[in-house]
Amino acid sequence: MASSSTDQPNAKERKYDRQLRLWGANGQQALEASHICLVNATATGCEALKNLILPGIGKFTVIDDATIAETDLGVNFFVDVDGVGQSRAEYTCKHLSELNPDVQGSYINDSLSNLITSDPTFISTHGITDIILCSPLPSHLVHTLQEMNPDLSIYHVHCVGFISSLRIFLPELCIVETHPDSLIDLRLLNPWLALLSFAEKATRDMDAMSEHQHGHIPYLAILLHYLEKWKQEHGGGFPVTYKEKNEFKKMLLTGMRTDVAGGSEENWEEAAAAVLANVKPHEIGSGIREVLEDDRCLNLVQDSGDFWIIARGIAEFIASPDQGNGLLPLPGGIPDMKAETRDYVTLQNLYRQKAASDVAQVAQNVSRILAGLNRSETDIAEEDISLWCRNANHVRIIRYRPFIDEWVVDLFHAKAVYSDLKYNPETLLPIYIALRAYQTFYDDYGHAPGQENGEGDSPELITHARIYLRKIADVLKLPENEEFPSSDALRAVDVWCREVARYGGAELHNIASFTGGIVSQEVIKCVTKQYLPVRNTVVLDGVQSKSAVWEL
């Protein structure tokens, strides 16, 4: 993705300019290395695949043994009347391929069941990295696929009528670039010598400064100056409580000149506004703590991934009194502020130099760890270590629960469902339960509820839903006299079961399109390992334009 020597963007950078601003060259390379498989070229599946082809995935494969029916014409924009009776896989693949000539498309005119039965290594031999499963599919096929391919990223989608759901499974997702609102960490309560020296020089003889000089002291220097003053007056302590921070704000505002144009100084107001957010002890977040305390970080082996080796280097940095001394590496960024350009650049360089120093120390740790694992000390690029250090306090690891644990209703699943049904009066779980009943019905009969018997199938769906809810109560060993679920929740479940039967397995294009957007968004997050994906189930209510996310 590098530009030419003239620093002009190349053709690919011009084509993908806007998305590169979202996930950068690393994210784009990850997309281009992916091979996405779509099982069942439904309207939802084609919309999801469209949204992945346009930003430039590497390859896609459509697997479908169905032929195009007239019912497809009103909902799927990638088929037309000329295709009726033809292979849906071939026809949609042809039209999807036209969206982006850089993406390689292929199709297989067969069912996924036949393919993995005849060749259990089908997924790996075809290099498929991610697979989107669009209902209807038997649940045992989903479970079998996951058991046979434990490293495969699977996205299971239901979309009928006005409702849809997405269930994600990945074995493990290690995310360095979570893209928080801000990476700024000023370390005002843990300043280093060079920063203190800058603040002391910038605030020296403030009373003798001209109006211009006084009004252009960087607010970081103002905060550090008054923090030293506070420490002297409070036995070496910092303002910690909300009350103390307000007192601290009043203290620093006594230094602001009011006999100036506008009656106040912008830099001092910036300092006062920054107190609550920035005058605080450095905290190591729960997400990075989970990573650093993980067994894969504590007990490295020769084939440990770069993520875990860098994590161990960070852990050693934090633990060393000569390195982090209890602190994470400094990200190195500072916010905009009113200041002279030379002072702002000096301050910016101080933070960058400290961040670079921290990266160098972590890199030394990583080199030593690699040598101890009998690997080359240059196996991990310093730019990867730098990226890790810059994002260290926002790194996350997500492990998804297997489909089978949810389907058989284990204790974790039962607790999650019970809690939301019990304490959330606006819960969308009745939709999830109705779609689960839909899946059970399909497993029993091989066709969608309502497809042949219309709303006459709704009593059976309601029965499946009640059996599931009784199973929740049994797993939790709820007392006989406890009302679960409430009458309102039961009524909502019954309503949605009747709606699902009324839909007869049909899709609506607007809901399919919206759902396809949700699916593709989550696939991109997982493929690029950026941002935070759903963990692990999302449901859409197209009637109320609401969605909900649970870990089930």
Protein backbone atom coordinates (compact mmCIF):
# COMPACT_ATOMS: atom_id res chain seq x y z
CA MET A 1 0.00 0.00 0.00
CA ALA A 2 3.05 2.32 -0.08
CA SER A 3 2.82 5.46 -2.18
CA SER A 4 5.24 6.24 -4.98
CA SER A 5 8.43 8.18 -4.42
CA THR A 6 6.58 11.39 -5.35
CA ASP A 7 4.24 10.86 -2.38
CA GLN A 8 1.26 10.92 -4.72
CA PRO A 9 -1.43 8.34 -3.88
CA ASN A 10 -1.37 5.32 -6.17
CA ALA A 11 -4.43 3.97 -7.94
CA LYS A 12 -5.36 1.63 -5.10
CA GLU A 13 -5.02 4.36 -2.48
CA ARG A 14 -7.22 6.67 -4.55
CA LYS A 15 -9.81 3.93 -4.99
CA TYR A 16 -9.97 3.02 -1.31
CA ASP A 17 -9.15 6.46 0.11
CA ARG A 18 -12.06 6.83 2.52
CA GLN A 19 -11.89 3.37 4.01
CA LEU A 20 -8.12 3.61 4.44
CA ARG A 21 -8.85 6.49 6.79
CA LEU A 22 -10.89 4.09 8.88
CA TRP A 23 -8.68 1.02 9.08
CA GLY A 24 -5.40 2.01 7.41
CA ALA A 25 -3.05 0.03 5.22
CA ASN A 26 -2.83 -2.85 7.73
CA GLY A 27 -6.60 -3.28 7.73
CA GLN A 28 -6.76 -3.13 3.94
CA GLN A 29 -4.06 -5.78 3.61
CA ALA A 30 -6.00 -8.02 5.99
CA LEU A 31 -9.13 -7.59 3.87
CA GLU A 32 -7.25 -8.40 0.68
CA ALA A 33 -5.87 -11.57 2.27
CA SER A 34 -9.35 -12.83 3.21
CA HIS A 35 -11.46 -15.41 1.39
CA ILE A 36 -15.12 -15.00 2.31
CA CYS A 37 -17.56 -17.83 1.63
CA LEU A 38 -21.31 -17.22 1.40
CA VAL A 39 -23.59 -20.21 1.94
CA ASN A 40 -27.04 -19.57 0.41
CA ALA A 41 -27.22 -16.57 -1.92
CA THR A 42 -30.28 -15.08 -0.25
CA ALA A 43 -31.04 -11.37 -0.40
CA THR A 44 -29.37 -10.92 3.00
CA GLY A 45 -26.33 -12.94 2.00
CA CYS A 46 -25.86 -11.06 -1.28
CA GLU A 47 -26.20 -7.69 0.47
CA ALA A 48 -23.57 -8.70 3.02
CA LEU A 49 -21.22 -9.96 0.32
CA LYS A 50 -21.76 -6.80 -1.75
CA ASN A 51 -20.59 -4.71 1.21
CA LEU A 52 -17.44 -6.83 1.47
CA ILE A 53 -16.60 -6.93 -2.23
CA LEU A 54 -16.78 -3.15 -2.62
CA PRO A 55 -14.03 -2.42 -0.03
CA GLY A 56 -11.82 -5.09 -1.60
CA ILE A 57 -11.74 -8.50 0.05
CA GLY A 58 -9.36 -10.88 -1.70
CA LYS A 59 -11.72 -13.65 -2.82
CA PHE A 60 -15.27 -14.80 -2.36
CA THR A 61 -17.07 -18.07 -3.03
CA VAL A 62 -20.83 -18.55 -3.26
CA ILE A 63 -22.12 -21.99 -2.26
CA ASP A 64 -25.76 -22.67 -3.10
CA ASP A 65 -27.61 -25.60 -4.69
CA ALA A 66 -30.84 -23.65 -5.28
CA THR A 67 -32.16 -22.29 -8.55
CA ILE A 68 -33.58 -18.80 -8.90
CA ALA A 69 -37.32 -18.69 -8.23
CA GLU A 70 -39.79 -15.94 -8.99
CA THR A 71 -39.99 -15.19 -5.27
CA ASP A 72 -36.32 -14.14 -5.39
CA LEU A 73 -37.01 -11.38 -7.90
CA GLY A 74 -38.76 -9.00 -5.52
CA VAL A 75 -36.13 -9.13 -2.78
CA ASN A 76 -32.73 -9.90 -4.28
CA PHE A 77 -31.21 -7.18 -6.45
CA PHE A 78 -28.58 -9.58 -7.78
CA VAL A 79 -31.03 -11.72 -9.73
CA ASP A 80 -33.48 -10.80 -12.48
CA VAL A 81 -36.21 -12.38 -14.54
CA ASP A 82 -33.72 -13.77 -17.07
CA GLY A 83 -32.18 -15.88 -14.33
CA VAL A 84 -35.33 -17.73 -13.21
CA GLY A 85 -34.60 -21.45 -13.19
CA GLN A 86 -30.83 -20.94 -13.38
CA SER A 87 -28.24 -21.64 -10.70
CA ARG A 88 -28.53 -19.01 -7.98
CA ALA A 89 -24.87 -19.46 -7.02
CA GLU A 90 -23.63 -18.86 -10.56
CA TYR A 91 -25.98 -15.98 -11.32
CA THR A 92 -25.33 -14.00 -8.15
CA CYS A 93 -21.58 -14.66 -8.37
CA LYS A 94 -21.55 -13.17 -11.87
CA HIS A 95 -23.33 -9.99 -10.80
CA LEU A 96 -21.41 -9.60 -7.54
CA SER A 97 -18.11 -9.95 -9.40
CA GLU A 98 -18.98 -6.92 -11.50
CA LEU A 99 -18.84 -4.70 -8.40
CA ASN A 100 -15.06 -4.83 -8.03
CA PRO A 101 -12.71 -6.28 -10.66
CA ASP A 102 -9.94 -6.53 -8.07
CA VAL A 103 -11.85 -9.26 -6.20
CA GLN A 104 -11.79 -12.89 -7.38
CA GLY A 105 -15.21 -14.52 -7.33
CA SER A 106 -16.20 -18.17 -7.71
CA TYR A 107 -19.25 -20.33 -7.10
CA ILE A 108 -20.08 -23.94 -6.30
CA ASN A 109 -23.43 -25.31 -7.37
CA ASP A 110 -23.88 -27.66 -4.42
CA SER A 111 -24.94 -27.69 -0.79
CA LEU A 112 -22.51 -27.12 2.06
CA SER A 113 -23.66 -30.40 3.59
CA ASN A 114 -22.61 -32.38 0.52
CA LEU A 115 -19.29 -30.55 0.25
CA ILE A 116 -18.08 -31.10 3.80
CA THR A 117 -19.43 -34.67 3.87
CA SER A 118 -17.55 -35.66 0.72
CA ASP A 119 -14.43 -33.68 1.68
CA PRO A 120 -14.02 -32.89 5.40
CA THR A 121 -11.01 -30.68 4.52
CA PHE A 122 -13.04 -28.61 2.04
CA ILE A 123 -12.74 -25.36 4.02
CA SER A 124 -8.99 -25.54 4.56
CA THR A 125 -8.12 -26.82 1.07
CA HIS A 126 -10.02 -23.90 -0.48
CA GLY A 127 -8.34 -21.38 1.84
CA ILE A 128 -11.63 -20.04 3.20
CA THR A 129 -11.02 -17.71 6.15
CA ASP A 130 -14.58 -16.61 6.96
CA ILE A 131 -17.97 -18.12 6.17
CA ILE A 132 -21.39 -16.46 6.22
CA LEU A 133 -24.22 -18.94 6.76
CA CYS A 134 -27.62 -17.65 5.72
CA SER A 135 -30.69 -19.48 6.96
CA PRO A 136 -32.36 -21.79 6.36
CA LEU A 137 -29.74 -24.35 7.35
CA PRO A 138 -30.06 -27.30 9.76
CA SER A 139 -28.51 -26.55 13.14
CA HIS A 140 -26.52 -29.80 13.17
CA LEU A 141 -24.73 -28.62 10.00
CA VAL A 142 -23.64 -25.40 11.76
CA HIS A 143 -22.38 -27.35 14.77
CA THR A 144 -20.58 -29.89 12.58
CA LEU A 145 -18.93 -27.16 10.51
CA GLN A 146 -17.58 -25.51 13.65
CA GLU A 147 -16.33 -28.78 15.15
CA MET A 148 -14.55 -29.69 11.90
CA ASN A 149 -13.03 -26.20 11.49
CA PRO A 150 -12.31 -24.79 14.97
CA ASP A 151 -10.22 -21.92 13.54
CA LEU A 152 -12.87 -20.79 11.04
CA SER A 153 -14.71 -17.49 11.54
CA ILE A 154 -18.44 -18.22 11.24
CA TYR A 155 -21.32 -15.74 10.94
CA HIS A 156 -24.76 -17.38 11.21
CA VAL A 157 -27.60 -15.17 9.95
CA HIS A 158 -31.38 -15.44 10.18
CA CYS A 159 -33.51 -12.90 8.33
CA VAL A 160 -37.27 -13.35 7.97
CA GLY A 161 -39.86 -10.65 7.56
CA PHE A 162 -39.14 -7.65 9.74
CA ILE A 163 -36.62 -9.35 12.05
CA SER A 164 -33.13 -10.78 11.84
CA SER A 165 -30.28 -12.07 13.97
CA LEU A 166 -26.55 -12.60 13.67
CA ARG A 167 -24.50 -15.03 15.75
CA ILE A 168 -20.70 -14.82 15.50
CA PHE A 169 -18.13 -17.47 16.32
CA LEU A 170 -14.38 -17.01 16.24
CA PRO A 171 -12.00 -19.10 18.34
CA GLU A 172 -10.11 -16.03 19.58
CA LEU A 173 -9.90 -12.43 18.44
CA CYS A 174 -6.92 -10.36 19.61
CA ILE A 175 -7.54 -6.68 18.87
CA VAL A 176 -4.82 -4.06 19.18
CA GLU A 177 -6.51 -1.21 17.29
CA THR A 178 -9.86 -0.81 19.03
CA HIS A 179 -10.10 2.86 17.94
CA PRO A 180 -11.20 4.47 21.22
CA ASP A 181 -12.38 8.08 21.17
CA SER A 182 -8.93 9.21 22.31
CA LEU A 183 -5.50 7.68 22.91
CA ILE A 184 -4.27 10.73 24.83
CA ASP A 185 -2.71 10.01 28.21
CA LEU A 186 -1.02 13.11 29.65
CA ARG A 187 0.46 11.46 32.79
CA LEU A 188 0.11 14.66 34.79
CA LEU A 189 0.45 12.76 38.07
CA ASN A 190 3.43 10.79 36.73
CA PRO A 191 5.50 13.42 34.90
CA TRP A 192 9.06 12.65 33.82
CA LEU A 193 11.98 15.02 34.40
CA ALA A 194 12.03 16.61 30.94
CA LEU A 195 8.30 17.41 31.15
CA LEU A 196 8.68 18.94 34.61
CA SER A 197 11.59 21.03 33.38
CA PHE A 198 9.50 22.33 30.47
CA ALA A 199 6.59 23.24 32.79
CA GLU A 200 8.91 24.98 35.26
CA LYS A 201 10.48 27.06 32.50
CA ALA A 202 7.11 27.88 30.86
CA THR A 203 5.58 29.13 34.15
CA ARG A 204 8.62 30.92 35.60
CA ASP A 205 7.91 34.54 36.64
CA MET A 206 4.32 34.42 35.37
CA ASP A 207 3.45 37.71 37.08
CA ALA A 208 6.11 39.49 35.05
CA MET A 209 4.92 38.09 31.71
CA SER A 210 3.29 40.23 29.06
CA GLU A 211 -0.38 39.73 28.29
CA HIS A 212 0.53 37.76 25.16
CA GLN A 213 3.04 35.51 26.97
CA HIS A 214 0.68 34.84 29.88
CA GLY A 215 -2.18 34.04 27.53
CA HIS A 216 -0.07 31.50 25.58
CA ILE A 217 1.32 29.31 28.38
CA PRO A 218 0.35 25.75 27.36
CA TYR A 219 -2.35 24.50 29.68
CA LEU A 220 -0.33 21.35 30.45
CA ALA A 221 2.37 23.58 31.95
CA ILE A 222 -0.27 25.46 33.96
CA LEU A 223 -1.68 22.21 35.36
CA LEU A 224 1.76 20.86 36.26
CA HIS A 225 2.70 24.16 37.94
CA TYR A 226 -0.39 24.18 40.14
CA LEU A 227 -0.15 20.46 40.86
CA GLU A 228 3.30 21.12 42.37
CA LYS A 229 1.80 23.96 44.38
CA TRP A 230 -1.08 21.73 45.55
CA LYS A 231 1.36 19.03 46.64
CA GLN A 232 3.30 21.52 48.72
CA GLU A 233 0.11 22.62 50.48
CA HIS A 234 -1.35 19.11 50.93
CA GLY A 235 1.48 16.99 52.24
CA GLY A 236 2.62 15.71 48.85
CA GLY A 237 -0.84 14.46 47.82
CA PHE A 238 -2.76 15.14 44.62
CA PRO A 239 -6.38 16.24 44.20
CA VAL A 240 -8.23 12.94 43.91
CA THR A 241 -11.86 13.38 44.91
CA TYR A 242 -14.40 15.40 42.97
CA LYS A 243 -14.42 18.02 45.74
CA GLU A 244 -10.62 18.28 45.74
CA LYS A 245 -10.51 18.66 41.97
CA ASN A 246 -13.00 21.51 42.13
CA GLU A 247 -10.86 23.18 44.77
CA PHE A 248 -7.85 22.65 42.54
CA LYS A 249 -9.68 24.31 39.63
CA LYS A 250 -10.43 27.32 41.81
CA MET A 251 -6.77 27.46 42.82
CA LEU A 252 -5.44 27.53 39.28
CA LEU A 253 -8.10 30.02 38.13
CA THR A 254 -6.76 32.51 40.68
CA GLY A 255 -3.78 32.81 38.37
CA MET A 256 -5.90 33.78 35.34
CA ARG A 257 -5.88 37.42 34.36
CA THR A 258 -9.31 38.98 33.96
CA ASP A 259 -8.18 42.46 32.95
CA VAL A 260 -7.70 41.32 29.37
CA ALA A 261 -9.82 41.43 26.25
CA GLY A 262 -12.85 39.19 26.79
CA GLY A 263 -12.33 39.15 30.56
CA SER A 264 -10.56 35.76 30.64
CA GLU A 265 -7.68 33.78 29.13
CA GLU A 266 -8.44 30.82 26.88
CA ASN A 267 -5.42 28.78 27.97
CA TRP A 268 -6.42 29.00 31.64
CA GLU A 269 -9.98 28.02 30.79
CA GLU A 270 -8.56 25.05 28.88
CA ALA A 271 -6.58 24.09 31.98
CA ALA A 272 -9.66 24.28 34.20
CA ALA A 273 -11.73 22.24 31.72
CA ALA A 274 -9.05 19.53 31.58
CA VAL A 275 -8.88 18.93 35.33
CA LEU A 276 -11.60 16.29 35.78
CA ALA A 277 -10.54 14.20 32.77
CA ASN A 278 -6.75 14.46 33.08
CA VAL A 279 -5.82 15.03 36.72
CA LYS A 280 -6.12 11.42 37.74
CA PRO A 281 -3.84 8.47 38.60
CA HIS A 282 -2.75 6.29 35.70
CA GLU A 283 -5.02 3.26 35.46
CA ILE A 284 -4.37 -0.02 33.68
CA GLY A 285 -7.72 -0.98 32.18
CA SER A 286 -9.53 -4.25 32.73
CA GLY A 287 -9.15 -5.26 29.06
CA ILE A 288 -5.35 -5.10 29.04
CA ARG A 289 -5.23 -6.69 32.51
CA GLU A 290 -7.17 -9.66 31.12
CA VAL A 291 -4.59 -9.99 28.34
CA LEU A 292 -1.56 -9.68 30.63
CA GLU A 293 -2.96 -12.21 33.10
CA ASP A 294 -3.89 -14.70 30.39
CA ASP A 295 -2.12 -18.06 30.43
CA ARG A 296 -0.95 -17.51 26.85
CA CYS A 297 0.90 -14.40 27.96
CA LEU A 298 2.32 -15.91 31.13
CA ASN A 299 3.44 -19.19 29.54
CA LEU A 300 4.92 -18.50 26.14
CA VAL A 301 6.02 -21.27 23.80
CA GLN A 302 8.12 -21.17 20.65
CA ASP A 303 5.14 -20.80 18.32
CA SER A 304 3.35 -18.19 20.43
CA GLY A 305 1.83 -15.45 18.29
CA ASP A 306 3.34 -11.97 18.03
CA PHE A 307 0.39 -10.58 20.00
CA TRP A 308 1.25 -12.64 23.07
CA ILE A 309 4.99 -12.06 22.85
CA ILE A 310 4.52 -8.29 22.70
CA ALA A 311 2.02 -8.55 25.56
CA ARG A 312 4.68 -10.29 27.64
CA GLY A 313 7.17 -7.54 26.74
CA ILE A 314 4.61 -4.96 27.94
CA ALA A 315 4.06 -6.92 31.16
CA GLU A 316 7.81 -6.91 31.86
CA PHE A 317 7.92 -3.18 31.09
CA ILE A 318 5.20 -2.50 33.67
CA ALA A 319 6.84 -4.71 36.29
CA SER A 320 10.34 -3.26 35.92
CA PRO A 321 11.22 -0.35 38.29
CA ASP A 322 13.71 0.84 35.65
CA GLN A 323 11.13 0.89 32.86
CA GLY A 324 7.41 1.45 33.37
CA ASN A 325 7.47 1.11 37.17
CA GLY A 326 3.79 0.22 37.25
CA LEU A 327 2.81 2.28 34.20
CA LEU A 328 1.94 1.31 30.64
CA PRO A 329 4.02 2.70 27.75
CA LEU A 330 3.10 6.31 26.96
CA PRO A 331 0.94 6.67 23.81
CA GLY A 332 2.72 9.92 22.96
CA GLY A 333 -0.09 12.16 21.70
CA ILE A 334 -1.22 15.50 23.09
CA PRO A 335 -4.42 17.48 22.44
CA ASP A 336 -4.61 20.79 20.63
CA MET A 337 -4.23 23.83 22.89
CA LYS A 338 -3.61 27.55 22.82
CA ALA A 339 0.16 28.07 22.85
CA GLU A 340 3.01 29.51 20.89
CA THR A 341 3.88 27.22 18.01
CA ARG A 342 7.42 26.64 19.29
CA ASP A 343 6.13 25.71 22.76
CA TYR A 344 3.50 23.36 21.36
CA VAL A 345 6.05 21.65 19.10
CA THR A 346 8.49 21.34 22.03
CA LEU A 347 5.76 19.79 24.17
CA GLN A 348 4.71 17.49 21.35
CA ASN A 349 8.30 16.32 20.91
CA LEU A 350 8.66 15.67 24.64
CA TYR A 351 5.71 13.27 24.56
CA ARG A 352 6.86 11.65 21.32
CA GLN A 353 10.40 11.17 22.64
CA LYS A 354 9.12 9.61 25.86
CA ALA A 355 6.81 7.32 23.87
CA ALA A 356 9.71 6.32 21.59
CA SER A 357 11.87 5.59 24.63
CA ASP A 358 9.15 3.36 26.08
CA VAL A 359 8.79 1.54 22.73
CA ALA A 360 12.54 0.96 22.62
CA GLN A 361 12.47 -0.57 26.11
CA VAL A 362 9.55 -2.84 25.22
CA ALA A 363 11.37 -3.81 22.01
CA GLN A 364 14.41 -4.84 24.08
CA ASN A 365 12.16 -7.00 26.23
CA VAL A 366 10.59 -8.56 23.14
CA SER A 367 14.01 -9.31 21.60
CA ARG A 368 15.11 -11.00 24.81
CA ILE A 369 11.89 -13.04 24.96
CA LEU A 370 12.31 -14.14 21.33
CA ALA A 371 15.91 -15.20 22.00
CA GLY A 372 14.69 -17.21 24.99
CA LEU A 373 12.23 -18.99 22.71
CA ASN A 374 15.02 -19.84 20.23
CA ARG A 375 13.61 -17.46 17.66
CA SER A 376 15.24 -14.62 15.77
CA GLU A 377 15.30 -11.39 17.74
CA THR A 378 14.02 -9.58 14.65
CA ASP A 379 10.96 -11.81 14.14
CA ILE A 380 8.66 -9.01 15.29
CA ALA A 381 8.87 -5.63 13.58
CA GLU A 382 9.36 -2.57 15.77
CA GLU A 383 6.40 -0.88 14.05
CA ASP A 384 4.16 -3.67 15.41
CA ILE A 385 5.58 -3.12 18.89
CA SER A 386 5.04 0.63 18.52
CA LEU A 387 1.41 0.09 17.48
CA TRP A 388 0.88 -2.18 20.51
CA CYS A 389 2.45 0.36 22.88
CA ARG A 390 0.38 3.23 21.50
CA ASN A 391 -2.85 1.28 22.00
CA ALA A 392 -1.83 -0.73 25.06
CA ASN A 393 -4.56 0.48 27.43
CA HIS A 394 -7.28 -0.34 24.89
CA VAL A 395 -6.16 -3.77 23.68
CA ARG A 396 -8.83 -6.47 23.92
CA ILE A 397 -9.12 -10.21 23.57
CA ILE A 398 -12.49 -11.75 22.72
CA ARG A 399 -13.23 -15.47 22.92
CA TYR A 400 -16.54 -16.57 21.45
CA ARG A 401 -18.67 -19.33 22.86
CA PRO A 402 -19.29 -22.37 20.62
CA PHE A 403 -22.70 -22.61 18.97
CA ILE A 404 -23.40 -25.95 20.63
CA ASP A 405 -23.13 -24.50 24.16
CA GLU A 406 -25.83 -22.00 23.31
CA TRP A 407 -28.02 -24.52 21.50
CA VAL A 408 -28.07 -27.09 24.29
CA VAL A 409 -28.68 -24.31 26.87
CA ASP A 410 -25.77 -24.42 29.28
CA LEU A 411 -25.67 -22.48 32.57
CA PHE A 412 -23.99 -19.39 31.09
CA HIS A 413 -26.65 -19.12 28.38
CA ALA A 414 -29.49 -19.71 30.80
CA LYS A 415 -28.26 -16.97 33.17
CA ALA A 416 -27.93 -14.45 30.33
CA VAL A 417 -31.45 -15.12 29.03
CA TYR A 418 -32.99 -15.15 32.51
CA SER A 419 -31.38 -11.85 33.49
CA ASP A 420 -32.51 -9.97 30.38
CA LEU A 421 -36.04 -11.37 30.40
CA LYS A 422 -36.38 -10.71 34.11
CA TYR A 423 -35.00 -7.20 34.42
CA ASN A 424 -35.31 -5.58 30.98
CA PRO A 425 -38.93 -4.71 30.19
CA GLU A 426 -37.97 -3.61 26.65
CA THR A 427 -35.91 -6.71 25.87
CA LEU A 428 -35.77 -7.99 22.30
CA LEU A 429 -35.13 -11.55 23.49
CA PRO A 430 -38.67 -12.64 22.45
CA ILE A 431 -37.46 -12.16 18.84
CA TYR A 432 -34.40 -14.32 19.52
CA ILE A 433 -36.65 -16.98 21.07
CA ALA A 434 -39.04 -16.90 18.09
CA LEU A 435 -36.11 -17.26 15.66
CA ARG A 436 -34.80 -20.12 17.75
CA ALA A 437 -38.21 -21.78 17.46
CA TYR A 438 -38.01 -21.16 13.69
CA GLN A 439 -34.68 -23.05 13.64
CA THR A 440 -36.11 -25.97 15.61
CA PHE A 441 -39.10 -26.16 13.25
CA TYR A 442 -36.77 -26.17 10.22
CA ASP A 443 -34.67 -28.94 11.81
CA ASP A 444 -37.83 -31.03 12.19
CA TYR A 445 -39.45 -30.46 8.79
CA GLY A 446 -36.78 -29.17 6.41
CA HIS A 447 -38.76 -26.06 5.48
CA ALA A 448 -39.51 -22.72 7.12
CA PRO A 449 -42.55 -22.37 9.39
CA GLY A 450 -45.48 -20.86 7.54
CA GLN A 451 -44.05 -21.81 4.16
CA GLU A 452 -46.63 -24.53 3.57
CA ASN A 453 -49.21 -24.07 6.33
CA GLY A 454 -49.17 -20.30 6.85
CA GLU A 455 -50.09 -19.09 10.32
CA GLY A 456 -51.27 -22.60 11.11
CA ASP A 457 -47.69 -23.37 12.14
CA SER A 458 -47.68 -20.74 14.88
CA PRO A 459 -48.94 -23.09 17.67
CA GLU A 460 -46.00 -25.39 17.05
CA LEU A 461 -43.58 -22.47 17.16
CA ILE A 462 -45.10 -21.32 20.44
CA THR A 463 -44.71 -24.85 21.80
CA HIS A 464 -41.01 -24.89 20.83
CA ALA A 465 -40.55 -21.51 22.53
CA ARG A 466 -42.25 -22.70 25.74
CA ILE A 467 -40.09 -25.85 25.82
CA TYR A 468 -36.98 -23.68 25.50
CA LEU A 469 -38.10 -21.38 28.33
CA ARG A 470 -38.84 -24.37 30.57
CA LYS A 471 -35.34 -25.62 29.85
CA ILE A 472 -33.94 -22.26 31.01
CA ALA A 473 -35.88 -22.60 34.27
CA ASP A 474 -34.72 -26.22 34.73
CA VAL A 475 -31.05 -25.39 34.13
CA LEU A 476 -31.25 -22.56 36.70
CA LYS A 477 -33.30 -24.74 39.12
CA LEU A 478 -35.82 -21.93 39.58
CA PRO A 479 -38.38 -22.44 42.38
CA GLU A 480 -41.81 -23.66 41.29
CA ASN A 481 -43.54 -20.49 42.52
CA GLU A 482 -41.32 -18.08 40.57
CA GLU A 483 -43.02 -16.51 37.59
CA PHE A 484 -40.62 -16.93 34.69
CA PRO A 485 -40.91 -15.46 32.27
CA SER A 486 -43.41 -12.75 33.12
CA SER A 487 -46.81 -12.75 31.48
CA ASP A 488 -45.75 -9.73 29.38
CA ALA A 489 -42.62 -11.53 28.15
CA LEU A 490 -44.64 -14.65 27.32
CA ARG A 491 -47.15 -12.57 25.43
CA ALA A 492 -44.31 -10.98 23.41
CA VAL A 493 -42.85 -14.41 22.63
CA ASP A 494 -46.24 -15.63 21.39
CA VAL A 495 -46.69 -12.53 19.22
CA TRP A 496 -43.31 -12.97 17.56
CA CYS A 497 -43.87 -16.69 17.01
CA ARG A 498 -47.08 -15.87 15.19
CA GLU A 499 -45.26 -13.21 13.17
CA VAL A 500 -42.52 -15.66 12.17
CA ALA A 501 -45.14 -18.15 10.98
CA ARG A 502 -46.88 -15.37 9.04
CA TYR A 503 -43.61 -14.48 7.27
CA GLY A 504 -43.34 -18.03 5.88
CA GLY A 505 -39.54 -17.78 5.67
CA ALA A 506 -39.71 -14.78 3.30
CA GLU A 507 -37.25 -11.88 3.32
CA LEU A 508 -38.03 -8.19 2.88
CA HIS A 509 -35.40 -6.36 0.89
CA ASN A 510 -35.05 -3.35 3.18
CA ILE A 511 -34.53 -5.58 6.25
CA ALA A 512 -32.23 -7.88 4.27
CA SER A 513 -30.19 -4.89 3.16
CA PHE A 514 -29.93 -3.48 6.68
CA THR A 515 -29.02 -6.89 8.07
CA GLY A 516 -26.44 -7.35 5.32
CA GLY A 517 -24.88 -4.08 6.46
CA ILE A 518 -24.69 -5.33 10.04
CA VAL A 519 -23.13 -8.63 8.95
CA SER A 520 -20.53 -7.02 6.69
CA GLN A 521 -19.62 -4.46 9.34
CA GLU A 522 -18.93 -7.21 11.87
CA VAL A 523 -16.99 -9.29 9.32
CA ILE A 524 -14.76 -6.31 8.54
CA LYS A 525 -14.08 -5.73 12.24
CA CYS A 526 -13.09 -9.36 12.70
CA VAL A 527 -11.03 -9.64 9.51
CA THR A 528 -9.09 -6.41 10.09
CA LYS A 529 -8.91 -7.04 13.87
CA GLN A 530 -9.91 -3.45 14.43
CA TYR A 531 -12.74 -1.83 16.37
CA LEU A 532 -14.85 -3.97 18.74
CA PRO A 533 -17.19 -6.53 17.14
CA VAL A 534 -20.43 -7.88 18.56
CA ARG A 535 -19.94 -10.41 21.33
CA ASN A 536 -21.70 -12.62 20.17
CA THR A 537 -25.38 -12.20 19.17
CA VAL A 538 -27.26 -9.24 17.71
CA VAL A 539 -30.98 -9.10 16.98
CA LEU A 540 -32.76 -6.52 14.82
CA ASP A 541 -36.38 -5.48 15.25
CA GLY A 542 -37.25 -3.79 11.96
CA VAL A 543 -40.71 -2.82 13.19
CA GLN A 544 -39.42 -0.59 15.99
CA SER A 545 -36.00 0.09 14.38
CA LYS A 546 -34.25 -1.32 17.45
CA SER A 547 -31.38 -3.73 17.95
CA ALA A 548 -29.88 -5.51 20.93
CA VAL A 549 -26.65 -7.37 21.63
CA TRP A 550 -26.04 -10.23 24.06
CA GLU A 551 -23.37 -12.78 24.84
CA LEU A 552 -25.43 -15.97 24.81
